[in-house]
Structures are given as structure tokens and as C-alpha cells.
Amino acid sequence: MQRTFFMLAIVALAVLQAVVLLPARADVLGVRGAAKAGGARLVVDLSHVVKFRAFALQSPARLVVDLPSGAWRANPASLAVAGVTGLRHGQFRPDIYRLVFDLKRNSAIHSAGLLAAAGSRKDRLVVDLTYSKHPPSKIYGELRPKPAGPPKQRALPKRVIVIDAGHGGQDPGATGVGGVIEKRVNLAVAKELKRLLERRGGYKVVLTRSGDVFLRLRERVRRGRKAKADLFIALHADSHPDRHIAGASLYTLSERASDREADRLARQANAADLIGGAPLNDGPKEVVGILIDLAQRETKNQSSAAADDLLFAMANTVPLLNRPKRSAGFAVLKAPDVPSVLIELGFLSNAEDAKRLNSKVGRREIAESIASGVVRYFEGANTAHTQR
């Protein structure tokens, strides 16, 4: 009996050592997929067996796979047979290389595990998915991201981020389910985002408003330019007659809206100045000059790049609206020399979005995802590629 116990202890110790000694990184060598009855199988070929983390998200449907830091050395074939409509990947954080599979249908993870190389097969991660209208939220794997350490000392000047919490004062914005008021949501997320970025170090964050005050749209733009912002982020929350519409979205400037809803939203937001008694087009010549300078291509290109990085980070945490990257003629985005984006945090007219945005935990989660996107944009993590 004692001998048997001793042998089992040795085996357990060997297994524990094998887990502890797993490599700290793995390169992705290939990605494959196959259809299964009621679901699909996705296989990620790896250079080494490593710890991993996998979880499914919905609205839109996605599978997220996190690996330790690594490199992309794959040339994946079409994954359409496994119900994958797109694949994005990149260094999400210094300790996480992230793969995001866009799925045709909401799915739950049935099983996920690592298999060591055998014969001609490589080390690999195998994830089996089961189609589900309402998949449970569960994380598979042993990978645990490292907690954020103390801010690193940086020799470079701090990046200036201007955060504009929409509405305020006599302009409450939208009122949502349960009486949640947009101006309060916008300001709460803005303050949390400021706290997160400044705690990281390397960023100076300026709020256009830190209290419940009304600011005209031109004044918001002026404050962004005065601060010499490297990035201007306007925060809003939407409302819609259809209470089923939900999810966050992100807008960049366009004189021609990307769709009717974007046009409706821009007209609604631009009308905010009327509450303060000043139409938007009633301004000095410098405002006309701003409108003329909108043709500056470089600023628009930078805004678009920032939008891509922000959406990449947000997609892994926050439910997104269908086609979340949009464009519209928002007046608050019209500084010609400042990359600018407007984030709609969700729909206050939708019960789930309103509940999330009315909770401290929900606001922190979305602020964390936006902060990750800002870091991704400024710190060179925009190495993700897209397969369509």
C-alpha cells in the first residue's frame, strides 16, 4: 500500500513539474477547422505545448484564444467549413498573444485541450464548439495573465489623451431603461478611463469636463486642440426605438454617413448645441477653417487606425453592434490636426446594455477594454492581420 502511494506521489510530482516547466511562449504554425454534428472543431498548431486560455463571446459570436507571447508563422486555409467568418490575431498584451475567431453562429466551448506532437502532427490546441443560442460564459485553460506591475519609467514624452464625456448640464442625453441617464454614464466611464491610463504611466489624460456642466461642441473641439491631444476620444451612449438593438460601436469622421443610423445619430448629437442657444454653424471664421481642413488625409488615416485598435480590444470584452466601425459627420470629431474617434458605449434603450453601463463593474470593464486599445495604438501592438 505504501509502495503504491509512493509511486503515485512520484507521478503526481512529475506531472506538476511538467506543468510548471511549460515554455513561456509558443509560435502559431497553423490554424485548421472542420465541421462536426451540431458544431465545429478548431485546431491551432503550435511550436510548443503551452498554457492557454479560451472563451466564447456573443453579439457578435466569437471565440477568443489566448497564448503566451509568441509569433505568427501560419498561413491558414479557409476556415469557412468550421463556421469561421474571420480571424484576427496580434500581441494583445506583453504576456498575451490573442487569436479572435469571428463565428457565424453563437457557440459554446464543449471541450478545449492541448495535445503533444505525435507522428507527423505538431503540438496543438484543439477546441470543440457546440452551437448554442445562449452559450454559458466559461473560461477554459490554465493561462493567467500577469497582474499589472508598477508603471515603467519612460524617457519619451507622455502621450496626451483627451476624453470628452458627451452631454452634461442642461443636456442629459438619452434616458434609458431603469432611468439611467447618459450624461452620468459618459462621465463615469471617462473618469475610470483616465484613472486606468494614468496608472499605467506614459499618458497624460485631459477631461473636457470633470463635472455636470454643459459644453458646446466647438468648445469640446477647442479644448482638445488646446491640449495638443495625440488622440481625442468622445464617449456617448445611444438609444433606439427598437429595444432589441444592443452593443457598442465606434465612429470616425465622414461628411457622408456610413448608413442611415449613423446619419441619424450624428444629426442628433450635433443638435446638442441648440440646447445652449447656439446653432453649430453660427461660429467665427476659425470654425469654417476647421471644416475646410477636414480634407487632411493623414489625420483621418490615424483616426481609422486608432479605431481598428480600439475595436480589436473592445471586441474581446464588450458586446458590439453589427458592423461596429462606422462613420458620420460628428461635429466633435472635426479637429483637423487631432486623430479623433467617438465611441457609443451601448444602447441605454436595451435592458442588458443599460444594466451593464449602470453598474460600476460594467463601466470598469468597458473602460479597461478602451484603455487596452489606446495602449495598442500607441505602443506598437497593431500587428494584427485579418482573414476574410
Protein backbone atom coordinates (compact mmCIF):
# COMPACT_ATOMS: atom_id res chain seq x y z
CA MET A 1 0.00 0.00 0.00
CA GLN A 2 2.79 2.39 0.96
CA ARG A 3 4.70 1.50 -2.22
CA THR A 4 1.64 2.25 -4.35
CA PHE A 5 1.14 5.59 -2.61
CA PHE A 6 4.83 6.42 -3.11
CA MET A 7 4.64 5.67 -6.85
CA LEU A 8 1.51 7.80 -7.23
CA ALA A 9 3.25 10.66 -5.47
CA ILE A 10 6.18 10.45 -7.91
CA VAL A 11 3.82 10.50 -10.88
CA ALA A 12 1.93 13.49 -9.47
CA LEU A 13 5.19 15.36 -8.89
CA ALA A 14 6.33 14.64 -12.45
CA VAL A 15 3.04 15.97 -13.84
CA LEU A 16 3.31 19.08 -11.67
CA GLN A 17 6.86 19.72 -12.85
CA ALA A 18 5.79 19.28 -16.47
CA VAL A 19 3.12 21.92 -15.98
CA VAL A 20 5.45 24.35 -14.23
CA LEU A 21 8.16 23.90 -16.89
CA LEU A 22 5.92 24.62 -19.87
CA PRO A 23 7.55 27.14 -22.25
CA ALA A 24 6.71 30.79 -21.74
CA ARG A 25 5.83 31.32 -25.42
CA ALA A 26 4.67 29.46 -28.49
CA ASP A 27 4.57 30.35 -32.17
CA VAL A 28 1.39 29.69 -34.12
CA LEU A 29 2.30 27.38 -37.02
CA GLY A 30 -1.13 26.77 -38.49
CA VAL A 31 -4.89 27.02 -37.97
CA ARG A 32 -7.36 24.41 -39.21
CA GLY A 33 -11.07 23.82 -38.90
CA ALA A 34 -13.66 21.13 -39.51
CA ALA A 35 -17.43 20.85 -39.23
CA LYS A 36 -18.96 18.49 -36.67
CA ALA A 37 -22.52 17.48 -35.95
CA GLY A 38 -24.06 20.43 -34.12
CA GLY A 39 -20.80 22.36 -34.01
CA ALA A 40 -17.22 22.62 -35.23
CA ARG A 41 -13.63 21.81 -34.33
CA LEU A 42 -10.78 24.33 -34.50
CA VAL A 43 -7.14 23.25 -34.30
CA VAL A 44 -4.25 25.64 -33.64
CA ASP A 45 -0.85 24.09 -34.45
CA LEU A 46 1.86 25.29 -32.06
CA SER A 47 5.64 25.20 -31.83
CA HIS A 48 5.33 24.11 -28.20
CA VAL A 49 2.69 22.94 -25.76
CA VAL A 50 1.95 25.95 -23.56
CA LYS A 51 -0.68 27.14 -21.16
CA PHE A 52 -3.70 28.65 -22.89
CA ARG A 53 -7.00 30.37 -22.20
CA ALA A 54 -10.12 30.06 -24.38
CA PHE A 55 -13.60 31.53 -24.05
CA ALA A 56 -16.61 32.18 -26.28
CA LEU A 57 -18.40 35.51 -26.68
CA GLN A 58 -21.64 36.50 -28.36
CA SER A 59 -23.18 39.57 -30.04
CA PRO A 60 -21.28 39.11 -32.26
CA ALA A 61 -20.26 35.47 -31.96
CA ARG A 62 -16.53 34.99 -31.35
CA LEU A 63 -14.03 32.51 -29.97
CA VAL A 64 -11.05 34.02 -28.17
CA VAL A 65 -7.84 32.03 -27.67
CA ASP A 66 -5.03 33.48 -25.56
CA LEU A 67 -1.47 32.13 -25.65
CA PRO A 68 1.73 33.37 -24.01
CA SER A 69 3.80 35.76 -26.10
CA GLY A 70 4.64 34.28 -29.47
CA ALA A 71 4.79 34.92 -33.19
CA TRP A 72 2.52 34.24 -36.14
CA ARG A 73 4.07 31.78 -38.60
CA ALA A 74 0.87 30.38 -40.04
CA ASN A 75 -0.74 30.52 -43.46
CA PRO A 76 -4.24 29.25 -42.62
CA ALA A 77 -6.56 27.86 -45.25
CA SER A 78 -10.18 28.93 -45.37
CA LEU A 79 -11.98 28.25 -42.09
CA ALA A 80 -15.45 28.70 -43.56
CA VAL A 81 -16.16 24.98 -43.27
CA ALA A 82 -15.94 25.41 -39.48
CA GLY A 83 -18.29 28.39 -39.49
CA VAL A 84 -15.47 30.96 -39.11
CA THR A 85 -16.06 34.20 -40.99
CA GLY A 86 -12.86 35.98 -39.99
CA LEU A 87 -9.67 35.62 -37.99
CA ARG A 88 -7.73 38.37 -36.23
CA HIS A 89 -4.56 37.95 -34.21
CA GLY A 90 -1.85 40.01 -32.57
CA GLN A 91 0.07 40.79 -29.38
CA PHE A 92 -2.83 41.84 -27.16
CA ARG A 93 -0.59 42.45 -24.13
CA PRO A 94 3.11 41.83 -23.46
CA ASP A 95 2.20 38.46 -21.90
CA ILE A 96 -0.70 37.51 -24.20
CA TYR A 97 -0.86 36.67 -27.91
CA ARG A 98 -4.55 36.68 -28.83
CA LEU A 99 -6.48 34.97 -31.64
CA VAL A 100 -10.07 36.02 -32.27
CA PHE A 101 -12.22 33.81 -34.49
CA ASP A 102 -15.37 35.52 -35.80
CA LEU A 103 -18.09 32.86 -35.82
CA LYS A 104 -21.15 32.56 -38.00
CA ARG A 105 -23.25 31.32 -35.08
CA ASN A 106 -23.21 31.72 -31.30
CA SER A 107 -21.33 28.77 -29.84
CA ALA A 108 -20.28 27.25 -26.54
CA ILE A 109 -16.96 25.53 -25.92
CA HIS A 110 -17.65 21.82 -25.47
CA SER A 111 -14.01 20.98 -24.75
CA ALA A 112 -10.57 22.54 -25.14
CA GLY A 113 -7.21 20.92 -24.56
CA LEU A 114 -3.59 20.53 -25.62
CA LEU A 115 -2.17 17.55 -27.49
CA ALA A 116 1.55 16.83 -27.74
CA ALA A 117 3.15 16.09 -31.11
CA ALA A 118 2.58 12.57 -32.41
CA GLY A 119 3.87 11.21 -35.73
CA SER A 120 3.58 13.91 -38.36
CA ARG A 121 1.28 16.02 -36.19
CA LYS A 122 2.57 19.09 -34.37
CA ASP A 123 1.86 20.20 -30.83
CA ARG A 124 -1.65 21.61 -31.00
CA LEU A 125 -4.60 23.11 -29.21
CA VAL A 126 -7.96 21.55 -30.07
CA VAL A 127 -11.22 23.40 -29.35
CA ASP A 128 -14.58 21.74 -29.96
CA LEU A 129 -17.57 24.09 -30.31
CA THR A 130 -21.27 23.37 -29.93
CA TYR A 131 -23.81 25.71 -31.50
CA SER A 132 -25.90 27.40 -28.82
CA LYS A 133 -28.28 30.36 -28.88
CA HIS A 134 -27.28 31.34 -25.34
CA PRO A 135 -23.85 29.84 -24.63
CA PRO A 136 -22.70 29.80 -21.00
CA SER A 137 -19.80 32.04 -20.03
CA LYS A 138 -16.86 29.80 -19.07
CA ILE A 139 -13.10 30.09 -19.40
CA TYR A 140 -11.04 27.04 -20.34
CA GLY A 141 -7.32 26.59 -19.74
CA GLU A 142 -4.71 27.47 -17.15
CA LEU A 143 -3.23 30.67 -18.58
CA ARG A 144 -3.48 33.50 -16.08
CA PRO A 145 -2.44 36.96 -17.32
CA LYS A 146 0.21 38.62 -15.22
CA PRO A 147 -1.09 41.38 -12.94
CA ALA A 148 -0.12 44.85 -13.96
CA GLY A 149 3.15 45.81 -12.33
CA PRO A 150 4.31 49.30 -11.31
CA PRO A 151 4.42 51.78 -14.17
CA LYS A 152 7.62 51.64 -16.20
CA GLN A 153 9.85 54.67 -16.31
CA ARG A 154 9.65 56.17 -19.77
CA ALA A 155 12.05 58.60 -21.34
CA LEU A 156 9.58 59.56 -24.07
CA PRO A 157 7.11 62.43 -23.56
CA LYS A 158 3.74 61.37 -22.32
CA ARG A 159 1.01 60.85 -24.88
CA VAL A 160 -1.87 63.28 -24.41
CA ILE A 161 -5.32 61.71 -24.45
CA VAL A 162 -8.36 63.98 -24.34
CA ILE A 163 -11.56 62.26 -23.22
CA ASP A 164 -14.79 64.04 -23.96
CA ALA A 165 -17.76 62.83 -21.89
CA GLY A 166 -20.76 63.67 -24.06
CA HIS A 167 -23.65 65.87 -22.91
CA GLY A 168 -23.81 67.43 -19.42
CA GLY A 169 -25.60 70.19 -17.55
CA GLN A 170 -28.96 71.02 -19.09
CA ASP A 171 -28.30 68.41 -21.80
CA PRO A 172 -28.84 64.98 -20.17
CA GLY A 173 -28.54 63.00 -23.38
CA ALA A 174 -30.53 59.78 -23.61
CA THR A 175 -32.51 58.35 -20.72
CA GLY A 176 -32.57 54.58 -20.71
CA VAL A 177 -34.12 51.54 -19.12
CA GLY A 178 -34.40 51.94 -15.36
CA GLY A 179 -33.87 55.69 -15.61
CA VAL A 180 -30.16 55.56 -16.35
CA ILE A 181 -29.02 58.93 -17.72
CA GLU A 182 -26.45 59.14 -20.49
CA LYS A 183 -24.50 62.17 -19.26
CA ARG A 184 -23.73 60.38 -15.98
CA VAL A 185 -22.65 57.17 -17.72
CA ASN A 186 -20.35 59.07 -20.09
CA LEU A 187 -18.64 60.97 -17.26
CA ALA A 188 -18.24 57.87 -15.08
CA VAL A 189 -16.56 55.91 -17.89
CA ALA A 190 -14.38 58.92 -18.76
CA LYS A 191 -13.11 59.20 -15.18
CA GLU A 192 -12.41 55.47 -14.96
CA LEU A 193 -10.57 55.51 -18.29
CA LYS A 194 -8.47 58.45 -17.09
CA ARG A 195 -7.58 56.58 -13.90
CA LEU A 196 -6.55 53.43 -15.78
CA LEU A 197 -4.36 55.21 -18.34
CA GLU A 198 -2.62 57.42 -15.81
CA ARG A 199 -1.98 54.47 -13.52
CA ARG A 200 -0.24 52.71 -16.39
CA GLY A 201 2.14 55.61 -16.90
CA GLY A 202 3.22 57.30 -20.10
CA TYR A 203 -0.11 59.06 -20.62
CA LYS A 204 -1.45 62.48 -19.71
CA VAL A 205 -5.23 62.41 -19.72
CA VAL A 206 -7.35 65.55 -20.01
CA LEU A 207 -11.13 65.53 -19.50
CA THR A 208 -13.10 68.14 -21.43
CA ARG A 209 -15.46 68.16 -18.47
CA SER A 210 -14.97 66.71 -14.99
CA GLY A 211 -18.41 67.66 -13.66
CA ASP A 212 -22.02 68.08 -14.70
CA VAL A 213 -21.56 71.10 -16.99
CA PHE A 214 -22.74 71.91 -20.48
CA LEU A 215 -20.14 72.43 -23.21
CA ARG A 216 -20.85 73.46 -26.77
CA LEU A 217 -19.40 71.20 -29.41
CA ARG A 218 -16.96 73.82 -30.66
CA GLU A 219 -15.66 74.22 -27.11
CA ARG A 220 -15.04 70.49 -26.83
CA VAL A 221 -13.03 70.58 -30.06
CA ARG A 222 -11.16 73.68 -28.88
CA ARG A 223 -10.15 72.03 -25.62
CA GLY A 224 -8.85 69.01 -27.48
CA ARG A 225 -6.70 71.16 -29.75
CA LYS A 226 -5.53 73.37 -26.86
CA ALA A 227 -4.29 70.29 -25.00
CA LYS A 228 -2.41 69.25 -28.17
CA ALA A 229 -4.07 65.86 -27.96
CA ASP A 230 -2.46 62.85 -29.58
CA LEU A 231 -5.90 61.21 -29.52
CA PHE A 232 -9.40 62.61 -28.85
CA ILE A 233 -12.00 60.12 -27.60
CA ALA A 234 -15.64 61.20 -27.35
CA LEU A 235 -17.86 58.96 -25.19
CA HIS A 236 -21.60 58.61 -25.73
CA ALA A 237 -24.37 56.08 -25.21
CA ASP A 238 -27.12 55.58 -27.77
CA SER A 239 -30.88 54.99 -27.65
CA HIS A 240 -33.17 53.42 -30.25
CA PRO A 241 -36.92 52.75 -30.59
CA ASP A 242 -36.12 49.07 -31.14
CA ARG A 243 -35.16 47.86 -27.65
CA HIS A 244 -33.57 44.70 -29.06
CA ILE A 245 -30.72 46.64 -30.70
CA ALA A 246 -27.63 46.46 -28.49
CA GLY A 247 -23.86 46.67 -28.50
CA ALA A 248 -21.06 49.22 -28.57
CA SER A 249 -19.81 50.87 -31.78
CA LEU A 250 -17.14 53.31 -32.86
CA TYR A 251 -17.31 56.22 -35.29
CA THR A 252 -14.74 58.19 -37.24
CA LEU A 253 -15.43 61.38 -39.15
CA SER A 254 -17.10 61.35 -42.54
CA GLU A 255 -19.11 64.02 -44.26
CA ARG A 256 -21.20 61.19 -45.66
CA ALA A 257 -22.56 58.83 -43.04
CA SER A 258 -21.87 55.12 -43.50
CA ASP A 259 -25.56 54.30 -43.12
CA ARG A 260 -28.88 55.82 -42.13
CA GLU A 261 -28.46 55.03 -38.44
CA ALA A 262 -25.06 56.74 -38.38
CA ASP A 263 -26.58 59.79 -40.06
CA ARG A 264 -29.44 59.84 -37.55
CA LEU A 265 -27.03 59.62 -34.64
CA ALA A 266 -24.76 62.39 -35.96
CA ARG A 267 -27.67 64.76 -36.53
CA GLN A 268 -28.95 64.01 -33.03
CA ALA A 269 -25.54 64.61 -31.42
CA ASN A 270 -24.77 67.73 -33.46
CA ALA A 271 -28.06 69.27 -32.36
CA ALA A 272 -26.78 69.38 -28.78
CA ASP A 273 -25.50 72.95 -29.23
CA LEU A 274 -29.07 74.12 -29.82
CA ILE A 275 -29.81 73.38 -26.16
CA GLY A 276 -27.27 76.03 -25.21
CA GLY A 277 -28.80 78.50 -27.63
CA ALA A 278 -26.10 78.44 -30.31
CA PRO A 279 -26.52 76.62 -33.64
CA LEU A 280 -23.41 74.74 -34.69
CA ASN A 281 -22.95 76.66 -37.94
CA ASP A 282 -23.13 80.02 -36.17
CA GLY A 283 -19.45 80.49 -35.45
CA PRO A 284 -16.34 82.52 -36.23
CA LYS A 285 -14.18 82.11 -39.30
CA GLU A 286 -11.84 79.73 -37.49
CA VAL A 287 -14.67 77.17 -37.36
CA VAL A 288 -15.13 77.49 -41.11
CA GLY A 289 -11.40 76.95 -41.40
CA ILE A 290 -11.72 73.75 -39.40
CA LEU A 291 -14.37 72.47 -41.77
CA ILE A 292 -12.15 73.24 -44.75
CA ASP A 293 -9.21 71.45 -43.13
CA LEU A 294 -11.22 68.24 -42.83
CA ALA A 295 -9.61 67.06 -46.02
CA GLN A 296 -6.36 66.41 -44.18
CA ARG A 297 -5.87 62.79 -45.06
CA GLU A 298 -3.22 61.91 -42.50
CA THR A 299 -5.43 62.78 -39.53
CA LYS A 300 -8.26 60.68 -40.94
CA ASN A 301 -5.90 57.77 -41.54
CA GLN A 302 -4.67 57.97 -37.95
CA SER A 303 -8.24 58.11 -36.68
CA SER A 304 -9.07 54.99 -38.67
CA ALA A 305 -6.00 53.15 -37.32
CA ALA A 306 -6.92 54.10 -33.75
CA ALA A 307 -10.48 52.88 -34.38
CA ASP A 308 -9.19 49.49 -35.55
CA ASP A 309 -7.04 49.03 -32.45
CA LEU A 310 -9.79 50.16 -30.09
CA LEU A 311 -12.32 47.80 -31.67
CA PHE A 312 -9.85 44.90 -31.55
CA ALA A 313 -9.50 45.40 -27.79
CA MET A 314 -13.18 46.07 -27.17
CA ALA A 315 -14.34 43.05 -29.17
CA ASN A 316 -12.80 40.71 -26.62
CA THR A 317 -14.75 42.19 -23.69
CA VAL A 318 -17.75 44.22 -24.80
CA PRO A 319 -20.73 43.13 -26.94
CA LEU A 320 -20.50 45.04 -30.21
CA LEU A 321 -23.14 46.30 -32.61
CA ASN A 322 -23.31 44.66 -36.01
CA ARG A 323 -20.68 46.34 -38.22
CA PRO A 324 -19.28 48.26 -35.25
CA LYS A 325 -16.88 50.51 -37.20
CA ARG A 326 -18.89 53.32 -38.77
CA SER A 327 -18.55 56.89 -39.92
CA ALA A 328 -20.67 60.02 -39.61
CA GLY A 329 -20.38 63.79 -39.60
CA PHE A 330 -19.98 64.31 -35.86
CA ALA A 331 -19.02 67.92 -35.16
CA VAL A 332 -17.00 66.88 -32.11
CA LEU A 333 -14.60 64.93 -34.37
CA LYS A 334 -13.79 67.86 -36.64
CA ALA A 335 -10.38 68.97 -35.33
CA PRO A 336 -8.19 68.76 -38.46
CA ASP A 337 -4.95 68.01 -36.61
CA VAL A 338 -6.13 65.59 -33.88
CA PRO A 339 -6.98 61.93 -34.55
CA SER A 340 -10.49 61.58 -33.15
CA VAL A 341 -12.98 58.81 -32.53
CA LEU A 342 -16.43 58.66 -30.98
CA ILE A 343 -17.41 55.56 -29.01
CA GLU A 344 -21.03 54.66 -28.45
CA LEU A 345 -20.78 52.60 -25.25
CA GLY A 346 -24.04 50.78 -25.88
CA PHE A 347 -27.79 51.33 -26.13
CA LEU A 348 -29.47 52.62 -22.99
CA SER A 349 -32.77 51.58 -24.56
CA ASN A 350 -31.64 47.93 -24.32
CA ALA A 351 -32.08 46.31 -20.89
CA GLU A 352 -28.76 44.40 -20.92
CA ASP A 353 -26.69 47.34 -22.19
CA ALA A 354 -28.35 49.70 -19.70
CA LYS A 355 -27.70 47.30 -16.83
CA ARG A 356 -24.03 46.99 -17.82
CA LEU A 357 -23.50 50.74 -18.18
CA ASN A 358 -25.36 51.47 -14.95
CA SER A 359 -23.04 49.20 -12.94
CA LYS A 360 -19.58 50.05 -11.66
CA VAL A 361 -18.25 46.67 -12.78
CA GLY A 362 -19.67 47.05 -16.29
CA ARG A 363 -18.24 50.55 -16.69
CA ARG A 364 -14.84 49.38 -15.45
CA GLU A 365 -14.81 46.51 -17.97
CA ILE A 366 -15.52 48.77 -20.92
CA ALA A 367 -13.01 51.36 -19.68
CA GLU A 368 -10.36 48.63 -19.40
CA SER A 369 -11.02 47.49 -22.96
CA ILE A 370 -10.76 51.07 -24.28
CA ALA A 371 -7.53 51.57 -22.32
CA SER A 372 -6.10 48.40 -23.88
CA GLY A 373 -6.99 49.74 -27.32
CA VAL A 374 -5.26 53.06 -26.61
CA VAL A 375 -2.12 51.24 -25.48
CA ARG A 376 -2.30 49.00 -28.54
CA TYR A 377 -2.47 52.04 -30.83
CA PHE A 378 0.41 53.97 -29.24
CA GLU A 379 2.75 51.16 -28.21
CA GLY A 380 3.13 49.36 -31.50
CA ALA A 381 0.87 46.37 -30.86
CA ASN A 382 -1.10 46.98 -34.05
CA THR A 383 0.39 43.92 -35.75
CA ALA A 384 -2.91 42.09 -36.15
CA HIS A 385 -3.92 40.75 -39.54
CA THR A 386 -7.33 39.93 -40.82
CA GLN A 387 -8.50 36.95 -42.85
CA ARG A 388 -11.72 37.31 -44.80
